Amino acid sequence: MRAAPYVRVSTQEQAIDGYSIPTQKEKTTQYCAAMSYDVVDVYADEGFSGKSLVRPAMQRLLQDIQSGRIDIVIIHKLDRLSRHVKDVLELVELFDKYNVKLYSLSENLDLSSPFGRAALKMSATFSELERETIVERMQMGKDARAREGKYTVPGAHCPFGYIHDRENDRLLINEEEAEAVRKIFDLYINQGYTFRKLYAYCKQAFPNMKYFTNEMCCKPIIERPMYAGYFRYRGGELIKGTNFEPIISYETFLQAQACVERNKTKR
């Protein structure tokens, strides 16, 4: 029988024992060996959430199923397929259409019986509930941090002008980039530079800075309150930051926003 182990782990689950990609691969391939299955390929989606089926390995798995290359899909746990009930049921129907069996190492379900399908729906429902609970807790954590004035760096993208000190949960000023930020505000307020003219200036004055890649890249700098010691959260509420220092004064930031409004009116 031609088997296809499918494994997945999201970014949040990377460190959890039993969910890692190597652990899932080991368990699913060991099962295939014990059952004398021929492993077609191991389909692994690393760093992908279960909220969507749009994942590279999942799409490749579905294509191989439709091409008739697979007889059985082996998973470590049902929520590795998806954390949405609707998606799980659609996948099961697709497997049935192409006579492909599904086996989970954690849930021993007989999908040929009404009881087995009901158990599948219940299991998928609890997986979806678990995911929604995790998302809710993460949002509560972000809200709590925001109330404390702590800016959360989105992914690995630290704002221009700062260096992310993860160990101390702070953003430190990058003096070289901060000099560029101060100059941009000065030229915009006092010299009447447009965003395109600021870009041309920065490309020449700061050739080693990778930030300046397009003609409107200076616009986010002018409009970012972080440089004045504040950050916007959710609905646009301004919150005074406690884990970073301002690069310019708040008065300078307000002057720049007045210039932005004047330029909009002129246009």
Protein backbone atom coordinates (compact mmCIF):
# COMPACT_ATOMS: atom_id res chain seq x y z
CA MET A 1 0.00 0.00 0.00
CA ARG A 2 1.34 3.42 -0.98
CA ALA A 3 1.42 5.66 2.10
CA ALA A 4 1.81 9.40 2.50
CA PRO A 5 2.73 10.64 6.00
CA TYR A 6 1.56 14.24 6.44
CA VAL A 7 3.12 16.36 9.21
CA ARG A 8 2.58 19.99 10.17
CA VAL A 9 3.63 22.38 12.90
CA SER A 10 2.79 26.05 13.34
CA THR A 11 5.20 28.69 14.62
CA GLN A 12 3.59 28.65 18.09
CA GLU A 13 3.86 24.85 18.34
CA GLN A 14 7.52 24.58 17.37
CA ALA A 15 8.78 24.00 20.92
CA ILE A 16 5.99 21.69 22.12
CA ASP A 17 7.13 18.10 22.60
CA GLY A 18 5.31 15.71 20.29
CA TYR A 19 4.40 18.40 17.79
CA SER A 20 7.84 18.96 16.28
CA ILE A 21 8.33 17.98 12.64
CA PRO A 22 11.07 15.39 13.40
CA THR A 23 8.89 13.72 16.06
CA GLN A 24 5.87 13.51 13.76
CA LYS A 25 8.01 12.20 10.89
CA GLU A 26 9.56 9.54 13.11
CA LYS A 27 6.22 8.29 14.44
CA THR A 28 4.39 8.24 11.11
CA THR A 29 7.23 6.58 9.18
CA GLN A 30 7.72 3.98 11.94
CA TYR A 31 4.03 3.09 11.63
CA CYS A 32 4.41 2.74 7.84
CA ALA A 33 7.39 0.43 8.34
CA ALA A 34 5.51 -1.68 10.88
CA MET A 35 2.59 -2.04 8.44
CA SER A 36 4.93 -2.71 5.47
CA TYR A 37 3.60 0.36 3.63
CA ASP A 38 5.61 1.94 0.81
CA VAL A 39 6.21 5.58 1.70
CA VAL A 40 5.63 7.68 -1.43
CA ASP A 41 6.90 10.85 0.26
CA VAL A 42 6.73 12.66 3.60
CA TYR A 43 4.62 15.81 3.19
CA ALA A 44 5.80 18.40 5.74
CA ASP A 45 4.41 21.90 6.34
CA GLU A 46 6.73 23.57 8.86
CA GLY A 47 5.66 26.91 10.29
CA PHE A 48 2.14 26.82 8.80
CA SER A 49 -1.05 27.35 10.80
CA GLY A 50 -3.92 24.88 10.66
CA LYS A 51 -6.45 27.64 9.97
CA SER A 52 -6.09 27.25 6.20
CA LEU A 53 -5.47 24.47 3.67
CA VAL A 54 -3.32 26.77 1.55
CA ARG A 55 0.02 25.19 2.50
CA PRO A 56 2.71 23.98 0.08
CA ALA A 57 2.91 20.36 1.26
CA MET A 58 -0.86 20.07 1.69
CA GLN A 59 -1.46 21.28 -1.87
CA ARG A 60 1.15 18.84 -3.17
CA LEU A 61 -0.49 16.02 -1.19
CA LEU A 62 -3.91 16.80 -2.68
CA GLN A 63 -2.45 16.85 -6.20
CA ASP A 64 -0.81 13.44 -5.67
CA ILE A 65 -4.06 12.02 -4.28
CA GLN A 66 -5.96 13.21 -7.35
CA SER A 67 -3.23 11.73 -9.55
CA GLY A 68 -3.78 8.30 -7.99
CA ARG A 69 -0.33 8.03 -6.40
CA ILE A 70 -1.54 7.49 -2.81
CA ASP A 71 -3.61 4.80 -1.07
CA ILE A 72 -3.46 5.97 2.57
CA VAL A 73 -2.60 9.20 4.40
CA ILE A 74 -0.93 8.83 7.81
CA ILE A 75 -1.08 11.66 10.36
CA HIS A 76 0.07 12.03 13.93
CA LYS A 77 -3.14 13.71 15.04
CA LEU A 78 -6.31 14.91 13.34
CA ASP A 79 -5.58 18.60 13.97
CA ARG A 80 -2.42 18.26 11.83
CA LEU A 81 -4.75 18.24 8.80
CA SER A 82 -6.71 21.29 9.90
CA ARG A 83 -8.18 22.94 12.97
CA HIS A 84 -11.42 23.76 11.17
CA VAL A 85 -14.25 21.19 11.18
CA LYS A 86 -15.36 22.22 7.69
CA ASP A 87 -11.87 21.70 6.22
CA VAL A 88 -11.43 18.29 7.88
CA LEU A 89 -14.78 17.04 6.55
CA GLU A 90 -14.00 18.32 3.05
CA LEU A 91 -10.65 16.51 3.11
CA VAL A 92 -12.30 13.26 4.25
CA GLU A 93 -14.83 13.53 1.40
CA LEU A 94 -11.99 14.11 -1.07
CA PHE A 95 -10.12 11.07 0.28
CA ASP A 96 -13.28 8.95 -0.13
CA LYS A 97 -13.73 10.17 -3.69
CA TYR A 98 -10.28 8.88 -4.66
CA ASN A 99 -10.46 5.75 -2.45
CA VAL A 100 -7.74 7.01 -0.13
CA LYS A 101 -7.80 5.92 3.51
CA LEU A 102 -6.95 8.18 6.43
CA TYR A 103 -5.27 6.94 9.60
CA SER A 104 -4.43 8.99 12.68
CA LEU A 105 -1.95 7.61 15.19
CA SER A 106 -3.70 9.42 18.07
CA GLU A 107 -7.37 8.89 17.16
CA ASN A 108 -8.35 5.39 16.11
CA LEU A 109 -11.44 6.22 14.03
CA ASP A 110 -13.36 3.96 11.67
CA LEU A 111 -14.67 6.44 9.11
CA SER A 112 -16.73 3.80 7.33
CA SER A 113 -19.29 3.78 10.18
CA PRO A 114 -21.75 6.54 11.18
CA PHE A 115 -20.33 6.49 14.71
CA GLY A 116 -16.80 6.92 13.36
CA ARG A 117 -17.82 9.96 11.30
CA ALA A 118 -19.62 11.46 14.31
CA ALA A 119 -16.48 10.93 16.42
CA LEU A 120 -14.46 12.62 13.67
CA LYS A 121 -16.72 15.68 13.75
CA MET A 122 -16.44 15.87 17.55
CA SER A 123 -12.66 15.59 17.45
CA ALA A 124 -12.39 18.24 14.74
CA THR A 125 -14.75 20.52 16.70
CA PHE A 126 -12.57 20.33 19.80
CA SER A 127 -9.45 21.02 17.70
CA GLU A 128 -11.10 24.13 16.30
CA LEU A 129 -12.14 25.23 19.81
CA GLU A 130 -8.56 24.73 21.01
CA ARG A 131 -7.20 26.91 18.22
CA GLU A 132 -9.73 29.69 18.86
CA THR A 133 -8.87 29.58 22.57
CA ILE A 134 -5.16 29.94 21.78
CA VAL A 135 -5.84 32.91 19.46
CA GLU A 136 -8.01 34.56 22.12
CA ARG A 137 -5.32 34.13 24.80
CA MET A 138 -2.67 35.55 22.49
CA GLN A 139 -4.83 38.60 21.78
CA MET A 140 -5.45 39.07 25.52
CA GLY A 141 -1.68 38.99 26.03
CA LYS A 142 -1.16 41.62 23.35
CA ASP A 143 -3.88 43.81 24.88
CA ALA A 144 -2.26 43.53 28.31
CA ARG A 145 1.14 44.50 26.89
CA ALA A 146 -0.38 47.47 25.09
CA ARG A 147 -2.02 48.70 28.29
CA GLU A 148 1.43 48.61 29.91
CA GLY A 149 2.81 50.67 27.01
CA LYS A 150 4.92 47.83 25.66
CA TYR A 151 5.30 47.78 21.89
CA THR A 152 5.29 44.29 20.37
CA VAL A 153 7.62 43.88 17.40
CA PRO A 154 5.65 42.20 14.56
CA GLY A 155 7.62 39.08 13.66
CA ALA A 156 11.24 39.88 12.91
CA HIS A 157 10.48 43.32 11.45
CA CYS A 158 11.91 45.86 13.88
CA PRO A 159 10.95 49.45 12.98
CA PHE A 160 13.58 51.46 11.14
CA GLY A 161 15.67 53.41 13.66
CA TYR A 162 15.56 50.73 16.37
CA ILE A 163 17.23 47.45 17.34
CA HIS A 164 15.14 44.76 19.04
CA ASP A 165 16.62 43.69 22.39
CA ARG A 166 14.59 40.50 22.89
CA GLU A 167 16.29 39.52 26.14
CA ASN A 168 15.19 42.72 27.90
CA ASP A 169 11.99 43.22 25.85
CA ARG A 170 13.08 46.65 24.66
CA LEU A 171 13.74 48.55 21.46
CA LEU A 172 17.11 50.29 21.50
CA ILE A 173 17.84 53.29 19.30
CA ASN A 174 20.05 52.57 16.30
CA GLU A 175 21.98 55.83 16.25
CA GLU A 176 22.97 55.64 12.59
CA GLU A 177 19.38 55.10 11.45
CA ALA A 178 18.07 57.58 14.03
CA GLU A 179 20.24 60.24 12.40
CA ALA A 180 18.46 59.52 9.10
CA VAL A 181 15.05 59.77 10.81
CA ARG A 182 15.88 63.17 12.35
CA LYS A 183 17.16 64.47 9.01
CA ILE A 184 14.02 63.28 7.20
CA PHE A 185 11.76 65.15 9.64
CA ASP A 186 13.93 68.27 9.41
CA LEU A 187 13.90 68.34 5.60
CA TYR A 188 10.17 67.62 5.44
CA ILE A 189 9.19 70.32 7.94
CA ASN A 190 11.77 73.04 7.34
CA GLN A 191 12.81 72.56 3.71
CA GLY A 192 9.49 71.50 2.20
CA TYR A 193 10.83 68.24 0.78
CA THR A 194 8.28 65.91 -0.79
CA PHE A 195 8.37 62.16 -0.06
CA ARG A 196 9.99 61.50 -3.44
CA LYS A 197 12.60 64.19 -2.86
CA LEU A 198 13.30 62.71 0.60
CA TYR A 199 13.84 59.32 -1.02
CA ALA A 200 16.32 60.77 -3.53
CA TYR A 201 18.19 62.52 -0.73
CA CYS A 202 18.36 59.41 1.48
CA LYS A 203 19.55 57.19 -1.36
CA GLN A 204 22.50 59.52 -1.81
CA ALA A 205 23.14 60.43 1.84
CA PHE A 206 22.67 56.93 3.30
CA PRO A 207 23.67 54.51 0.52
CA ASN A 208 24.30 51.58 2.89
CA MET A 209 20.81 51.61 4.43
CA LYS A 210 18.59 48.97 2.82
CA TYR A 211 15.38 50.66 4.01
CA PHE A 212 15.28 53.19 1.17
CA THR A 213 13.96 51.01 -1.66
CA ASN A 214 11.09 53.00 -3.24
CA GLU A 215 9.99 56.59 -3.74
CA MET A 216 7.34 56.51 -0.98
CA CYS A 217 9.37 54.69 1.69
CA CYS A 218 9.83 57.91 3.71
CA LYS A 219 6.07 58.41 4.11
CA PRO A 220 5.69 55.73 6.85
CA ILE A 221 8.58 57.33 8.75
CA ILE A 222 6.91 60.75 8.77
CA GLU A 223 3.57 59.25 9.85
CA ARG A 224 4.91 56.86 12.53
CA PRO A 225 4.28 58.22 16.06
CA MET A 226 6.82 55.76 17.49
CA TYR A 227 9.61 58.22 16.70
CA ALA A 228 7.93 60.64 19.12
CA GLY A 229 7.49 57.99 21.84
CA TYR A 230 4.00 56.66 21.01
CA PHE A 231 2.51 53.75 19.05
CA ARG A 232 -0.91 53.04 17.57
CA TYR A 233 -2.85 49.99 18.71
CA ARG A 234 -5.85 48.24 17.17
CA GLY A 235 -8.38 51.01 16.46
CA GLY A 236 -5.61 53.59 16.10
CA GLU A 237 -5.45 54.53 19.79
CA LEU A 238 -2.20 56.34 20.64
CA ILE A 239 -0.34 54.71 23.53
CA LYS A 240 2.78 56.11 25.18
CA GLY A 241 5.58 53.57 24.85
CA THR A 242 7.45 52.30 27.89
CA ASN A 243 9.89 49.88 26.26
CA PHE A 244 11.49 52.32 23.78
CA GLU A 245 12.74 55.92 23.73
CA PRO A 246 11.68 58.64 21.24
CA ILE A 247 14.03 59.79 18.48
CA ILE A 248 12.31 63.16 17.93
CA SER A 249 10.11 65.39 20.09
CA TYR A 250 6.35 65.06 20.04
CA GLU A 251 6.14 68.69 18.89
CA THR A 252 8.27 67.85 15.85
CA PHE A 253 5.98 64.94 15.04
CA LEU A 254 2.89 67.20 15.24
CA GLN A 255 4.53 69.74 12.94
CA ALA A 256 5.19 66.98 10.42
CA GLN A 257 1.55 65.82 10.55
CA ALA A 258 0.41 69.41 9.96
CA CYS A 259 2.61 69.46 6.85
CA VAL A 260 1.07 66.18 5.69
CA GLU A 261 -2.43 67.66 6.01
CA ARG A 262 -1.41 70.85 4.18
CA ASN A 263 0.05 68.83 1.32
CA LYS A 264 -3.15 66.76 1.07
CA THR A 265 -5.19 69.98 0.88
CA LYS A 266 -2.94 71.38 -1.88
CA ARG A 267 -3.33 68.23 -3.96
